[in-house]
C-alpha atoms as a PDB file:
ATOM      1  CA  ILE A   1      58.016 119.368  64.139  1.00  0.00           C
ATOM      2  CA  GLY A   2      55.630 122.494  64.130  1.00  0.00           C
ATOM      3  CA  MET A   3      56.068 125.829  62.605  1.00  0.00           C
ATOM      4  CA  ALA A   4      54.611 129.281  63.956  1.00  0.00           C
ATOM      5  CA  LYS A   5      55.354 132.464  61.641  1.00  0.00           C
ATOM      6  CA  ALA A   6      55.199 136.132  62.194  1.00  0.00           C
ATOM      7  CA  ASP A   7      56.139 139.476  60.223  1.00  0.00           C
ATOM      8  CA  SER A   8      58.279 140.261  63.124  1.00  0.00           C
ATOM      9  CA  PRO A   9      60.420 138.786  65.670  1.00  0.00           C
ATOM     10  CA  ASP A  10      58.307 140.087  68.313  1.00  0.00           C
ATOM     11  CA  GLY A  11      54.865 138.561  67.085  1.00  0.00           C
ATOM     12  CA  PRO A  12      52.056 138.213  67.067  1.00  0.00           C
ATOM     13  CA  TRP A  13      52.883 134.530  66.226  1.00  0.00           C
ATOM     14  CA  GLN A  14      50.421 132.479  64.341  1.00  0.00           C
ATOM     15  CA  LYS A  15      50.865 128.695  64.379  1.00  0.00           C
ATOM     16  CA  LEU A  16      50.413 126.600  61.217  1.00  0.00           C
ATOM     17  CA  PRO A  17      47.774 124.198  61.622  1.00  0.00           C
ATOM     18  CA  ASP A  18      49.543 120.949  60.866  1.00  0.00           C
ATOM     19  CA  PRO A  19      52.954 119.987  61.553  1.00  0.00           C
ATOM     20  CA  ILE A  20      55.534 120.417  58.863  1.00  0.00           C
ATOM     21  CA  LEU A  21      57.480 117.084  59.648  1.00  0.00           C
ATOM     22  CA  ARG A  22      55.989 113.904  60.948  1.00  0.00           C
ATOM     23  CA  THR A  23      57.533 110.866  62.254  1.00  0.00           C
ATOM     24  CA  THR A  24      57.903 107.474  60.174  1.00  0.00           C
ATOM     25  CA  PRO A  25      54.479 105.806  60.730  1.00  0.00           C
ATOM     26  CA  ASP A  26      55.898 102.492  61.565  1.00  0.00           C
ATOM     27  CA  GLY A  27      56.946 100.342  64.649  1.00  0.00           C
ATOM     28  CA  LYS A  28      54.341  99.710  67.344  1.00  0.00           C
ATOM     29  CA  TYR A  29      54.118 100.790  70.888  1.00  0.00           C
ATOM     30  CA  ARG A  30      52.996  98.451  73.847  1.00  0.00           C
ATOM     31  CA  ASP A  31      50.981 101.646  75.176  1.00  0.00           C
ATOM     32  CA  GLU A  32      50.363 104.097  72.485  1.00  0.00           C
ATOM     33  CA  HIS A  33      48.893 106.456  75.183  1.00  0.00           C
ATOM     34  CA  LYS A  34      52.176 106.316  77.201  1.00  0.00           C
ATOM     35  CA  PRO A  35      54.145 109.929  76.758  1.00  0.00           C
ATOM     36  CA  GLY A  36      57.444 110.833  75.639  1.00  0.00           C
ATOM     37  CA  TYR A  37      61.067 108.786  75.319  1.00  0.00           C
ATOM     38  CA  SER A  38      59.986 106.673  78.228  1.00  0.00           C
ATOM     39  CA  ASN A  39      58.047 104.855  75.603  1.00  0.00           C
ATOM     40  CA  TRP A  40      60.548 104.036  73.144  1.00  0.00           C
ATOM     41  CA  GLN A  41      61.770 101.074  74.729  1.00  0.00           C
ATOM     42  CA  ASP A  42      58.656  99.722  75.339  1.00  0.00           C
ATOM     43  CA  PHE A  43      57.621  98.422  71.963  1.00  0.00           C
ATOM     44  CA  ILE A  44      55.992  95.291  70.229  1.00  0.00           C
ATOM     45  CA  GLU A  45      57.442  95.888  66.635  1.00  0.00           C
ATOM     46  CA  GLU A  46      60.631  98.285  66.277  1.00  0.00           C
ATOM     47  CA  GLY A  47      60.259 100.978  63.693  1.00  0.00           C
ATOM     48  CA  SER A  48      62.257 103.119  61.437  1.00  0.00           C
ATOM     49  CA  TRP A  49      65.122 105.473  62.858  1.00  0.00           C
ATOM     50  CA  ASP A  50      62.596 108.274  62.976  1.00  0.00           C
ATOM     51  CA  SER A  51      59.740 106.333  64.232  1.00  0.00           C
ATOM     52  CA  GLY A  52      59.658 107.661  67.761  1.00  0.00           C
ATOM     53  CA  ALA A  53      60.155 111.472  67.436  1.00  0.00           C
ATOM     54  CA  VAL A  54      61.420 114.131  65.255  1.00  0.00           C
ATOM     55  CA  HIS A  55      62.648 117.139  66.789  1.00  0.00           C
ATOM     56  CA  ASP A  56      65.342 119.804  67.229  1.00  0.00           C
ATOM     57  CA  PRO A  57      65.108 121.366  63.697  1.00  0.00           C
ATOM     58  CA  GLY A  58      67.483 123.684  62.195  1.00  0.00           C
ATOM     59  CA  ILE A  59      66.843 124.988  58.628  1.00  0.00           C
ATOM     60  CA  LEU A  60      69.270 126.277  55.990  1.00  0.00           C
ATOM     61  CA  ILE A  61      68.733 127.719  52.683  1.00  0.00           C
ATOM     62  CA  ARG A  62      70.541 125.993  49.981  1.00  0.00           C
ATOM     63  CA  LYS A  63      70.372 126.453  46.312  1.00  0.00           C
ATOM     64  CA  GLY A  64      67.003 127.936  46.447  1.00  0.00           C
ATOM     65  CA  LYS A  65      65.429 125.237  48.757  1.00  0.00           C
ATOM     66  CA  TYR A  66      64.857 124.741  52.455  1.00  0.00           C
ATOM     67  CA  TRP A  67      66.854 122.073  54.147  1.00  0.00           C
ATOM     68  CA  LEU A  68      65.469 121.177  57.501  1.00  0.00           C
ATOM     69  CA  TYR A  69      68.014 119.264  59.235  1.00  0.00           C
ATOM     70  CA  TYR A  70      66.347 117.224  62.222  1.00  0.00           C
ATOM     71  CA  LYS A  71      66.801 114.777  65.283  1.00  0.00           C
ATOM     72  CA  GLY A  72      65.257 111.447  64.949  1.00  0.00           C
ATOM     73  CA  HIS A  73      64.723 108.416  67.727  1.00  0.00           C
ATOM     74  CA  LYS A  74      63.183 105.359  66.817  1.00  0.00           C
ATOM     75  CA  ILE A  75      60.391 103.053  68.236  1.00  0.00           C
ATOM     76  CA  GLY A  76      62.528 100.318  69.960  1.00  0.00           C
ATOM     77  CA  GLU A  77      65.356 102.738  70.858  1.00  0.00           C
ATOM     78  CA  LYS A  78      67.814 100.941  73.283  1.00  0.00           C
ATOM     79  CA  MET A  79      69.483 104.211  74.781  1.00  0.00           C
ATOM     80  CA  PHE A  80      67.029 107.116  74.840  1.00  0.00           C
ATOM     81  CA  ALA A  81      69.589 109.884  74.635  1.00  0.00           C
ATOM     82  CA  ASP A  82      70.802 108.299  71.380  1.00  0.00           C
ATOM     83  CA  SER A  83      70.023 109.909  68.372  1.00  0.00           C
ATOM     84  CA  LYS A  84      70.444 110.447  64.575  1.00  0.00           C
ATOM     85  CA  ILE A  85      70.169 113.335  62.249  1.00  0.00           C
ATOM     86  CA  GLY A  86      68.226 113.378  59.013  1.00  0.00           C
ATOM     87  CA  VAL A  87      67.115 116.063  56.588  1.00  0.00           C
ATOM     88  CA  ALA A  88      63.992 117.064  54.445  1.00  0.00           C
ATOM     89  CA  VAL A  89      63.939 119.379  51.616  1.00  0.00           C
ATOM     90  CA  SER A  90      61.201 121.811  50.500  1.00  0.00           C
ATOM     91  CA  ASP A  91      60.366 124.648  47.990  1.00  0.00           C
ATOM     92  CA  TYR A  92      58.908 126.871  50.775  1.00  0.00           C
ATOM     93  CA  PRO A  93      59.831 127.209  54.663  1.00  0.00           C
ATOM     94  CA  GLU A  94      56.286 125.878  55.832  1.00  0.00           C
ATOM     95  CA  GLY A  95      56.945 122.944  53.609  1.00  0.00           C
ATOM     96  CA  PRO A  96      55.467 120.312  52.266  1.00  0.00           C
ATOM     97  CA  TYR A  97      59.031 118.767  53.139  1.00  0.00           C
ATOM     98  CA  GLU A  98      60.537 115.681  51.532  1.00  0.00           C
ATOM     99  CA  LYS A  99      62.750 113.506  53.686  1.00  0.00           C
ATOM    100  CA  HIS A 100      65.794 112.457  51.785  1.00  0.00           C
ATOM    101  CA  THR A 101      66.358 108.980  50.729  1.00  0.00           C
ATOM    102  CA  LEU A 102      69.664 108.850  52.221  1.00  0.00           C
ATOM    103  CA  ASN A 103      68.325 109.411  55.811  1.00  0.00           C
ATOM    104  CA  PRO A 104      69.940 109.462  58.326  1.00  0.00           C
ATOM    105  CA  VAL A 105      72.642 111.551  57.101  1.00  0.00           C
ATOM    106  CA  LEU A 106      74.368 111.544  60.419  1.00  0.00           C
ATOM    107  CA  ASN A 107      74.321 108.549  63.037  1.00  0.00           C
ATOM    108  CA  SER A 108      75.540 110.729  65.880  1.00  0.00           C
ATOM    109  CA  GLY A 109      74.701 113.918  67.504  1.00  0.00           C
ATOM    110  CA  HIS A 110      72.373 115.071  70.231  1.00  0.00           C
ATOM    111  CA  GLU A 111      72.059 118.645  68.895  1.00  0.00           C
ATOM    112  CA  VAL A 112      71.405 119.544  65.584  1.00  0.00           C
ATOM    113  CA  TRP A 113      74.371 122.045  64.672  1.00  0.00           C
ATOM    114  CA  MET A 114      74.638 122.810  60.672  1.00  0.00           C
ATOM    115  CA  TRP A 115      75.812 125.758  59.175  1.00  0.00           C
ATOM    116  CA  PRO A 116      76.956 126.892  55.430  1.00  0.00           C
ATOM    117  CA  TYR A 117      80.587 126.341  54.973  1.00  0.00           C
ATOM    118  CA  LYS A 118      82.561 127.009  51.709  1.00  0.00           C
ATOM    119  CA  SER A 119      80.317 125.682  49.114  1.00  0.00           C
ATOM    120  CA  GLY A 120      78.788 122.926  51.372  1.00  0.00           C
ATOM    121  CA  VAL A 121      77.305 122.214  54.813  1.00  0.00           C
ATOM    122  CA  ALA A 122      79.281 121.840  58.130  1.00  0.00           C
ATOM    123  CA  SER A 123      78.321 119.840  61.256  1.00  0.00           C
ATOM    124  CA  LEU A 124      79.394 119.885  64.856  1.00  0.00           C
ATOM    125  CA  VAL A 125      78.487 116.367  66.006  1.00  0.00           C
ATOM    126  CA  ASP A 126      78.563 116.756  70.154  1.00  0.00           C
ATOM    127  CA  TRP A 127      78.305 114.120  72.793  1.00  0.00           C
ATOM    128  CA  ALA A 128      76.135 111.220  71.393  1.00  0.00           C
ATOM    129  CA  GLY A 129      76.785 108.551  69.251  1.00  0.00           C
ATOM    130  CA  PRO A 130      79.867 106.470  67.668  1.00  0.00           C
ATOM    131  CA  GLU A 131      81.224 109.879  65.872  1.00  0.00           C
ATOM    132  CA  LYS A 132      80.455 112.020  68.832  1.00  0.00           C
ATOM    133  CA  GLY A 133      82.952 114.855  69.059  1.00  0.00           C
ATOM    134  CA  THR A 134      83.545 115.752  65.680  1.00  0.00           C
ATOM    135  CA  VAL A 135      83.343 118.271  62.795  1.00  0.00           C
ATOM    136  CA  GLN A 136      81.965 116.703  59.644  1.00  0.00           C
ATOM    137  CA  TYR A 137      81.451 118.349  56.259  1.00  0.00           C
ATOM    138  CA  THR A 138      79.677 117.581  53.216  1.00  0.00           C
ATOM    139  CA  GLU A 139      79.576 119.086  49.650  1.00  0.00           C
ATOM    140  CA  ASP A 140      76.044 117.691  48.825  1.00  0.00           C
ATOM    141  CA  GLY A 141      74.294 118.102  51.953  1.00  0.00           C
ATOM    142  CA  VAL A 142      73.965 114.682  52.934  1.00  0.00           C
ATOM    143  CA  ASN A 143      77.467 112.743  52.615  1.00  0.00           C
ATOM    144  CA  PHE A 144      79.176 113.945  55.470  1.00  0.00           C
ATOM    145  CA  GLU A 145      82.511 112.902  56.158  1.00  0.00           C
ATOM    146  CA  VAL A 146      84.587 113.516  59.414  1.00  0.00           C
ATOM    147  CA  MET A 147      87.189 116.449  59.410  1.00  0.00           C
ATOM    148  CA  THR A 148      88.416 116.623  62.625  1.00  0.00           C
ATOM    149  CA  ALA A 149      87.859 115.795  66.358  1.00  0.00           C
ATOM    150  CA  LEU A 150      87.037 118.311  69.325  1.00  0.00           C
ATOM    151  CA  GLU A 151      86.826 118.360  72.968  1.00  0.00           C
ATOM    152  CA  ASP A 152      84.415 120.283  75.360  1.00  0.00           C
ATOM    153  CA  ILE A 153      81.987 121.130  72.749  1.00  0.00           C
ATOM    154  CA  PRO A 154      79.373 123.521  74.175  1.00  0.00           C
ATOM    155  CA  PRO A 155      76.335 121.729  75.580  1.00  0.00           C
ATOM    156  CA  ALA A 156      73.200 122.555  73.813  1.00  0.00           C
ATOM    157  CA  GLY A 157      74.935 125.074  71.635  1.00  0.00           C
ATOM    158  CA  GLY A 158      73.431 127.581  69.291  1.00  0.00           C
ATOM    159  CA  ALA A 159      76.088 129.361  67.246  1.00  0.00           C
ATOM    160  CA  TYR A 160      75.492 133.026  65.917  1.00  0.00           C
ATOM    161  CA  ILE A 161      75.756 132.101  61.822  1.00  0.00           C
ATOM    162  CA  ALA A 162      75.563 135.414  60.008  1.00  0.00           C
ATOM    163  CA  ASP A 163      75.084 133.960  56.566  1.00  0.00           C
ATOM    164  CA  LYS A 164      72.932 131.096  57.779  1.00  0.00           C
ATOM    165  CA  PHE A 165      69.760 132.257  55.572  1.00  0.00           C
ATOM    166  CA  ASP A 166      71.543 133.907  52.871  1.00  0.00           C
ATOM    167  CA  ASP A 167      72.178 130.741  50.364  1.00  0.00           C
ATOM    168  CA  PRO A 168      75.691 131.509  50.288  1.00  0.00           C
ATOM    169  CA  GLU A 169      78.092 130.101  47.746  1.00  0.00           C
ATOM    170  CA  ASP A 170      80.972 130.661  50.168  1.00  0.00           C
ATOM    171  CA  GLY A 171      79.676 130.042  53.828  1.00  0.00           C
ATOM    172  CA  GLN A 172      82.053 131.763  56.446  1.00  0.00           C
ATOM    173  CA  GLY A 173      81.372 129.868  59.527  1.00  0.00           C
ATOM    174  CA  PHE A 174      81.102 131.380  63.224  1.00  0.00           C
ATOM    175  CA  THR A 175      83.038 132.835  66.139  1.00  0.00           C
ATOM    176  CA  TRP A 176      80.515 132.746  68.818  1.00  0.00           C
ATOM    177  CA  GLY A 177      77.356 131.426  70.096  1.00  0.00           C
ATOM    178  CA  ILE A 178      75.230 130.798  73.354  1.00  0.00           C
ATOM    179  CA  CYS A 179      75.164 127.096  75.130  1.00  0.00           C
ATOM    180  CA  HIS A 180      73.339 125.872  77.980  1.00  0.00           C
ATOM    181  CA  TYR A 181      75.263 124.492  80.969  1.00  0.00           C
ATOM    182  CA  GLY A 182      72.653 122.614  83.347  1.00  0.00           C
ATOM    183  CA  MET A 183      74.662 120.050  85.305  1.00  0.00           C
ATOM    184  CA  SER A 184      73.866 121.549  88.772  1.00  0.00           C
ATOM    185  CA  ASP A 185      71.128 122.765  90.671  1.00  0.00           C
ATOM    186  CA  TRP A 186      71.232 125.745  88.575  1.00  0.00           C
ATOM    187  CA  ASN A 187      71.317 126.633  84.713  1.00  0.00           C
ATOM    188  CA  PHE A 188      73.292 128.800  83.123  1.00  0.00           C
ATOM    189  CA  LEU A 189      73.358 130.252  79.525  1.00  0.00           C
ATOM    190  CA  LEU A 190      76.902 130.754  78.612  1.00  0.00           C
ATOM    191  CA  ARG A 191      78.695 132.456  75.759  1.00  0.00           C
ATOM    192  CA  PHE A 192      81.155 130.599  73.976  1.00  0.00           C
ATOM    193  CA  ASP A 193      83.926 131.826  71.592  1.00  0.00           C
ATOM    194  CA  CYS A 194      85.893 129.721  69.044  1.00  0.00           C
ATOM    195  CA  ASP A 195      87.637 129.806  65.724  1.00  0.00           C
ATOM    196  CA  MET A 196      85.032 128.297  63.323  1.00  0.00           C
ATOM    197  CA  LYS A 197      85.110 130.708  60.687  1.00  0.00           C
ATOM    198  CA  GLN A 198      86.942 131.029  57.566  1.00  0.00           C
ATOM    199  CA  GLY A 199      90.280 133.119  57.703  1.00  0.00           C
ATOM    200  CA  VAL A 200      90.424 133.067  61.470  1.00  0.00           C
ATOM    201  CA  GLN A 201      94.156 132.355  62.606  1.00  0.00           C
ATOM    202  CA  LYS A 202      93.961 128.952  64.531  1.00  0.00           C
ATOM    203  CA  LYS A 203      95.645 129.222  67.801  1.00  0.00           C
ATOM    204  CA  ILE A 204      97.136 125.682  68.162  1.00  0.00           C
ATOM    205  CA  SER A 205     100.481 126.230  69.635  1.00  0.00           C
ATOM    206  CA  TRP A 206     101.172 124.163  73.008  1.00  0.00           C
ATOM    207  CA  ASN A 207     102.237 127.413  74.564  1.00  0.00           C
ATOM    208  CA  TYR A 208      98.788 128.955  74.076  1.00  0.00           C
ATOM    209  CA  PHE A 209      96.968 126.054  75.120  1.00  0.00           C
ATOM    210  CA  GLN A 210      98.502 124.705  78.300  1.00  0.00           C
ATOM    211  CA  HIS A 211      95.457 123.495  79.489  1.00  0.00           C
ATOM    212  CA  TYR A 212      91.879 122.886  78.254  1.00  0.00           C
ATOM    213  CA  SER A 213      90.440 125.915  80.123  1.00  0.00           C
ATOM    214  CA  THR A 214      86.322 124.936  80.382  1.00  0.00           C
ATOM    215  CA  VAL A 215      84.045 126.251  82.614  1.00  0.00           C
ATOM    216  CA  ARG A 216      84.515 122.881  84.759  1.00  0.00           C
ATOM    217  CA  ASP A 217      88.155 123.554  85.151  1.00  0.00           C
ATOM    218  CA  VAL A 218      87.648 127.289  86.048  1.00  0.00           C
ATOM    219  CA  MET A 219      85.006 126.406  88.958  1.00  0.00           C
ATOM    220  CA  ALA A 220      87.243 123.366  90.146  1.00  0.00           C
ATOM    221  CA  ASP A 221      90.320 125.026  90.364  1.00  0.00           C
ATOM    222  CA  PRO A 222      90.333 128.949  90.002  1.00  0.00           C
ATOM    223  CA  GLY A 223      93.914 129.467  90.919  1.00  0.00           C
ATOM    224  CA  ARG A 224      95.147 127.727  88.238  1.00  0.00           C
ATOM    225  CA  PHE A 225      93.801 130.283  85.760  1.00  0.00           C
ATOM    226  CA  GLN A 226      95.096 133.039  88.000  1.00  0.00           C
ATOM    227  CA  LEU A 227      91.862 134.033  89.274  1.00  0.00           C
ATOM    228  CA  PRO A 228      91.669 135.311  92.763  1.00  0.00           C
ATOM    229  CA  VAL A 229      90.373 132.742  95.425  1.00  0.00           C
ATOM    230  CA  ASP A 230      87.265 134.739  96.172  1.00  0.00           C
ATOM    231  CA  ALA A 231      86.384 134.697  92.360  1.00  0.00           C
ATOM    232  CA  LEU A 232      83.658 132.087  92.720  1.00  0.00           C
ATOM    233  CA  ASP A 233      82.061 133.447  95.807  1.00  0.00           C
ATOM    234  CA  GLY A 234      79.034 134.409  93.560  1.00  0.00           C
ATOM    235  CA  ILE A 235      78.104 131.474  92.579  1.00  0.00           C
ATOM    236  CA  LYS A 236      78.481 129.977  95.963  1.00  0.00           C
ATOM    237  CA  THR A 237      75.933 132.717  97.202  1.00  0.00           C
ATOM    238  CA  ALA A 238      73.840 131.633  94.742  1.00  0.00           C
ATOM    239  CA  ILE A 239      73.772 127.939  95.401  1.00  0.00           C
ATOM    240  CA  ASN A 240      73.280 128.975  98.990  1.00  0.00           C
ATOM    241  CA  GLY A 241      70.252 130.430  98.059  1.00  0.00           C
ATOM    242  CA  ILE A 242      68.450 127.401  97.904  1.00  0.00           C
ATOM    243  CA  GLN A 243      68.599 127.059 101.769  1.00  0.00           C
ATOM    244  CA  THR A 244      65.429 127.597 103.526  1.00  0.00           C
ATOM    245  CA  GLU A 245      64.637 128.470 107.240  1.00  0.00           C
ATOM    246  CA  ASN A 246      63.130 125.155 108.455  1.00  0.00           C
ATOM    247  CA  HIS A 247      66.709 123.315 107.943  1.00  0.00           C
ATOM    248  CA  SER A 248      69.922 123.925 108.914  1.00  0.00           C
ATOM    249  CA  LEU A 249      73.229 122.869 107.206  1.00  0.00           C
ATOM    250  CA  SER A 250      76.647 122.668 108.480  1.00  0.00           C
ATOM    251  CA  ILE A 251      79.845 121.083 106.589  1.00  0.00           C
ATOM    252  CA  TYR A 252      83.332 120.834 108.187  1.00  0.00           C
ATOM    253  CA  PRO A 253      86.262 120.951 107.744  1.00  0.00           C
ATOM    254  CA  ASN A 254      86.003 122.779 104.370  1.00  0.00           C
ATOM    255  CA  PRO A 255      88.695 122.286 102.753  1.00  0.00           C
ATOM    256  CA  ALA A 256      88.833 118.448 103.726  1.00  0.00           C
ATOM    257  CA  SER A 257      91.342 115.888 102.946  1.00  0.00           C
ATOM    258  CA  GLU A 258      90.429 112.429 104.590  1.00  0.00           C
ATOM    259  CA  TYR A 259      86.697 113.142 105.487  1.00  0.00           C
ATOM    260  CA  ILE A 260      83.708 115.766 105.831  1.00  0.00           C
ATOM    261  CA  ILE A 261      81.252 115.839 108.809  1.00  0.00           C
ATOM    262  CA  ILE A 262      77.713 117.009 108.030  1.00  0.00           C
ATOM    263  CA  GLY A 263      75.391 117.968 110.785  1.00  0.00           C
ATOM    264  CA  LEU A 264      71.721 117.091 109.727  1.00  0.00           C
ATOM    265  CA  ASP A 265      68.643 117.876 111.467  1.00  0.00           C
ATOM    266  CA  LYS A 266      66.287 115.592 109.710  1.00  0.00           C
ATOM    267  CA  PRO A 267      66.212 112.393 107.899  1.00  0.00           C
ATOM    268  CA  SER A 268      68.051 113.165 104.565  1.00  0.00           C
ATOM    269  CA  VAL A 269      69.674 111.765 101.437  1.00  0.00           C
ATOM    270  CA  VAL A 270      73.041 112.970 101.141  1.00  0.00           C
ATOM    271  CA  MET A 271      74.531 113.187  97.364  1.00  0.00           C
ATOM    272  CA  ILE A 272      77.923 114.266  96.372  1.00  0.00           C
ATOM    273  CA  HIS A 273      78.708 115.405  92.601  1.00  0.00           C
ATOM    274  CA  ASP A 274      81.800 116.391  91.006  1.00  0.00           C
ATOM    275  CA  ILE A 275      82.201 119.453  88.859  1.00  0.00           C
ATOM    276  CA  ARG A 276      80.908 117.824  85.861  1.00  0.00           C
ATOM    277  CA  GLY A 277      77.740 116.864  87.304  1.00  0.00           C
ATOM    278  CA  THR A 278      78.569 113.403  88.025  1.00  0.00           C
ATOM    279  CA  LEU A 279      76.619 111.676  91.116  1.00  0.00           C
ATOM    280  CA  LEU A 280      79.641 109.750  92.921  1.00  0.00           C
ATOM    281  CA  LEU A 281      77.970 109.142  96.222  1.00  0.00           C
ATOM    282  CA  THR A 282      74.465 108.433  97.526  1.00  0.00           C
ATOM    283  CA  ARG A 283      73.676 108.008 101.468  1.00  0.00           C
ATOM    284  CA  LYS A 284      70.491 107.861 103.236  1.00  0.00           C
ATOM    285  CA  CYS A 285      71.154 109.403 106.451  1.00  0.00           C
ATOM    286  CA  LEU A 286      69.316 109.952 110.017  1.00  0.00           C
ATOM    287  CA  PRO A 287      69.508 113.047 111.793  1.00  0.00           C
ATOM    288  CA  GLY A 288      72.741 113.914 113.706  1.00  0.00           C
ATOM    289  CA  GLU A 289      76.432 114.184 112.425  1.00  0.00           C
ATOM    290  CA  VAL A 290      77.504 112.173 109.390  1.00  0.00           C
ATOM    291  CA  VAL A 291      80.982 111.504 108.528  1.00  0.00           C
ATOM    292  CA  LEU A 292      81.846 110.615 104.854  1.00  0.00           C
ATOM    293  CA  SER A 293      85.216 109.089 103.800  1.00  0.00           C
ATOM    294  CA  LEU A 294      86.791 111.095 101.073  1.00  0.00           C
ATOM    295  CA  ASP A 295      89.963 108.604 100.665  1.00  0.00           C
ATOM    296  CA  THR A 296      89.026 107.989  96.910  1.00  0.00           C
ATOM    297  CA  PHE A 297      88.016 111.545  95.993  1.00  0.00           C
ATOM    298  CA  PRO A 298      91.129 113.298  94.268  1.00  0.00           C
ATOM    299  CA  SER A 299      91.675 117.108  94.738  1.00  0.00           C
ATOM    300  CA  GLY A 300      88.899 119.372  93.457  1.00  0.00           C
ATOM    301  CA  LEU A 301      85.782 121.161  93.885  1.00  0.00           C
ATOM    302  CA  TYR A 302      82.545 119.113  95.000  1.00  0.00           C
ATOM    303  CA  LEU A 303      78.897 119.770  95.044  1.00  0.00           C
ATOM    304  CA  LEU A 304      76.991 118.606  98.371  1.00  0.00           C
ATOM    305  CA  ARG A 305      73.203 118.413  97.821  1.00  0.00           C
ATOM    306  CA  ILE A 306      70.994 117.252 100.626  1.00  0.00           C
ATOM    307  CA  GLY A 307      67.465 116.223 100.105  1.00  0.00           C
ATOM    308  CA  THR A 308      64.544 115.824 102.356  1.00  0.00           C
ATOM    309  CA  HIS A 309      61.132 115.501 102.163  1.00  0.00           C
ATOM    310  CA  ASP A 310      60.335 119.020 101.762  1.00  0.00           C
ATOM    311  CA  GLU A 311      63.168 120.607 100.197  1.00  0.00           C
ATOM    312  CA  ILE A 312      66.837 120.539  98.396  1.00  0.00           C
ATOM    313  CA  MET A 313      69.984 122.034  99.963  1.00  0.00           C
ATOM    314  CA  ALA A 314      73.321 122.534  98.335  1.00  0.00           C
ATOM    315  CA  ASP A 315      76.851 123.715  99.266  1.00  0.00           C
ATOM    316  CA  LYS A 316      80.278 123.201  97.984  1.00  0.00           C
ATOM    317  CA  PHE A 317      83.577 121.788  99.366  1.00  0.00           C
ATOM    318  CA  VAL A 318      87.061 121.552  98.361  1.00  0.00           C
ATOM    319  CA  VAL A 319      89.040 118.405  98.575  1.00  0.00           C
ATOM    320  CA  LYS A 320      92.848 119.032  99.083  1.00  0.00           C
ATOM    321  CA  ASN A 321      94.908 115.989  99.111  1.00  0.00           C
END
């Protein structure tokens, strides 16, 4: 983990000459020159929990010291997306940092979401690991306990935490932030709102939450949320913008029920994703009309992607059973 510093958020920024936190120096790769996470599973000797990589840092000021929470992967990791969370502490923001003896402090979480809450530290643990989808809390900064479970945690989120660097005695929490939605050919930065702040009235009655209103739900069925049927036309236009002049794509019927017919003018790979981005079908096709059965597809919105040797096209279609 490296650091750069500046007197203003606008810069100029100056990189520190050395990393402020390094991997634990044990474990042995089969090929030490092979880059990135693709190398974690190709090993001779398994390493410590953070021997393969340390990244995704999040710093809190706590009791006059700098607590750097970070994500770690080990040499010998069985699943490259799996990770654990540790902490290192320093008297100065640029270090030197000393890793805590109780690391890893969390056995789950793909993003580092930590914030001062009341007299301790809270953590939002997202989709990775055995304790995924939870909010956890610790009084001492290291011994976390599960407080509650959540659904649809904003992906790759960053919350606006007003007192994060104030070393508060009574951390207040947060009510909004920005997250990254990337399960499609397009990537979006989205604002999310929540009630993770002290004093906010929790809206938990069934009358208020008749459904789980996520981005995916709205895109799949806008009518369910009292949106006009053309509410997603702007998104469709953006998706269609992938098309190029040297390839044509036709899909019918749309909406469909039992099948769709796709017109292709060159050899292609046809892929169908659900609105969550999950790949449901892949087929290599020759030029001409291709008929795809939809017998196993429930009603909803789907993304069709067509890949050739020189381009990728996309469009959406609706299944109504």
